[in-house]
Amino acid sequence: MYVALIQFRDLDGKIYNIGEVYPLGDVTQARIEQLLTSNNRTKAPVIGMVKDSSTLDFNTMSRADLKAYAEENGIDLTNARNNAERIAILQGN
């Protein structure tokens, strides 16, 4: 999972704000590698890999992003009925 390090507009026109999960749609691995390095229009990395949940703002994430994060990290969300419950589980509450 990746997050925006700076505000930027992606090729599809979507504006990503600092800390927002990237991508919100399908992108190629080549595009991700481009944004992780200085090989892009800004000449600097614009996304970074999330290593732990302390750098994430779960409240800004969509249902799909929350589920993807849980799946990537082996967290069971089957009992969560809404995003508030998903966030509580992801935060360990």
Protein backbone atom coordinates (compact mmCIF):
# COMPACT_ATOMS: atom_id res chain seq x y z
CA MET A 1 0.00 0.00 0.00
CA TYR A 2 1.22 3.47 -0.86
CA VAL A 3 0.37 7.01 0.27
CA ALA A 4 0.90 10.42 -1.32
CA LEU A 5 3.94 12.24 0.03
CA ILE A 6 2.93 15.51 -1.64
CA GLN A 7 -0.24 16.72 -3.32
CA PHE A 8 -0.21 15.68 -6.98
CA ARG A 9 -2.48 15.10 -9.94
CA ASP A 10 -2.18 11.62 -11.45
CA LEU A 11 -2.45 10.87 -15.15
CA ASP A 12 -6.19 10.11 -14.81
CA GLY A 13 -6.79 13.62 -13.39
CA LYS A 14 -7.36 12.45 -9.80
CA ILE A 15 -5.78 14.75 -7.24
CA TYR A 16 -4.10 12.96 -4.34
CA ASN A 17 -3.55 14.87 -1.11
CA ILE A 18 -0.73 14.22 1.36
CA GLY A 19 -1.37 10.98 3.23
CA GLU A 20 -4.07 9.75 0.86
CA VAL A 21 -3.90 6.11 -0.19
CA TYR A 22 -2.58 5.52 -3.71
CA PRO A 23 -3.88 4.22 -6.07
CA LEU A 24 -7.65 4.59 -6.01
CA GLY A 25 -7.95 2.63 -9.23
CA ASP A 26 -5.95 0.28 -11.39
CA VAL A 27 -2.41 1.41 -12.24
CA THR A 28 0.53 -0.42 -13.67
CA GLN A 29 3.57 -1.44 -11.65
CA ALA A 30 5.59 0.78 -14.00
CA ARG A 31 3.49 3.80 -12.94
CA ILE A 32 3.99 2.98 -9.26
CA GLU A 33 7.75 2.68 -9.78
CA GLN A 34 7.72 6.01 -11.60
CA LEU A 35 5.99 7.73 -8.69
CA LEU A 36 8.23 6.07 -6.09
CA THR A 37 11.31 7.59 -7.76
CA SER A 38 12.29 10.91 -9.31
CA ASN A 39 11.42 9.56 -12.78
CA ASN A 40 8.26 11.68 -13.05
CA ARG A 41 7.19 15.29 -13.76
CA THR A 42 8.00 16.53 -10.26
CA LYS A 43 11.51 15.03 -10.38
CA ALA A 44 10.94 13.71 -6.85
CA PRO A 45 9.12 10.76 -5.27
CA VAL A 46 5.41 11.56 -4.85
CA ILE A 47 4.28 8.33 -3.17
CA GLY A 48 5.80 6.19 -0.45
CA MET A 49 5.23 2.66 0.76
CA VAL A 50 3.34 2.31 4.04
CA LYS A 51 5.25 0.12 6.46
CA ASP A 52 2.85 0.38 9.40
CA SER A 53 -0.59 1.72 10.17
CA SER A 54 0.64 4.61 12.34
CA THR A 55 1.22 6.69 9.20
CA LEU A 56 -2.27 6.05 7.81
CA ASP A 57 -5.42 8.07 8.36
CA PHE A 58 -8.03 5.33 8.17
CA ASN A 59 -10.81 7.94 8.34
CA THR A 60 -9.94 9.19 4.84
CA MET A 61 -9.86 5.71 3.31
CA SER A 62 -12.69 4.21 1.30
CA ARG A 63 -14.34 0.90 2.19
CA ALA A 64 -12.35 -0.79 -0.58
CA ASP A 65 -9.07 0.69 0.71
CA LEU A 66 -9.81 -0.43 4.27
CA LYS A 67 -10.58 -3.95 3.06
CA ALA A 68 -7.45 -4.02 0.88
CA TYR A 69 -5.28 -2.89 3.79
CA ALA A 70 -6.83 -5.54 6.05
CA GLU A 71 -6.31 -8.26 3.47
CA GLU A 72 -2.68 -7.24 2.87
CA ASN A 73 -2.04 -7.37 6.61
CA GLY A 74 -4.00 -10.53 7.45
CA ILE A 75 -6.67 -8.71 9.47
CA ASP A 76 -10.16 -10.22 9.54
CA LEU A 77 -12.95 -7.69 8.92
CA THR A 78 -15.81 -10.15 8.38
CA ASN A 79 -17.60 -9.03 11.56
CA ALA A 80 -17.37 -5.31 10.73
CA ARG A 81 -20.69 -3.88 9.56
CA ASN A 82 -19.53 -0.39 8.61
CA ASN A 83 -16.41 1.72 8.16
CA ALA A 84 -16.36 2.85 11.79
CA GLU A 85 -16.15 -0.79 12.89
CA ARG A 86 -13.55 -1.55 10.21
CA ILE A 87 -11.42 1.35 11.42
CA ALA A 88 -11.73 0.25 15.05
CA ILE A 89 -10.56 -3.24 14.13
CA LEU A 90 -7.66 -1.91 12.05
CA GLN A 91 -6.59 0.35 14.91
CA GLY A 92 -6.71 -2.61 17.28
CA ASN A 93 -9.67 -1.34 19.33
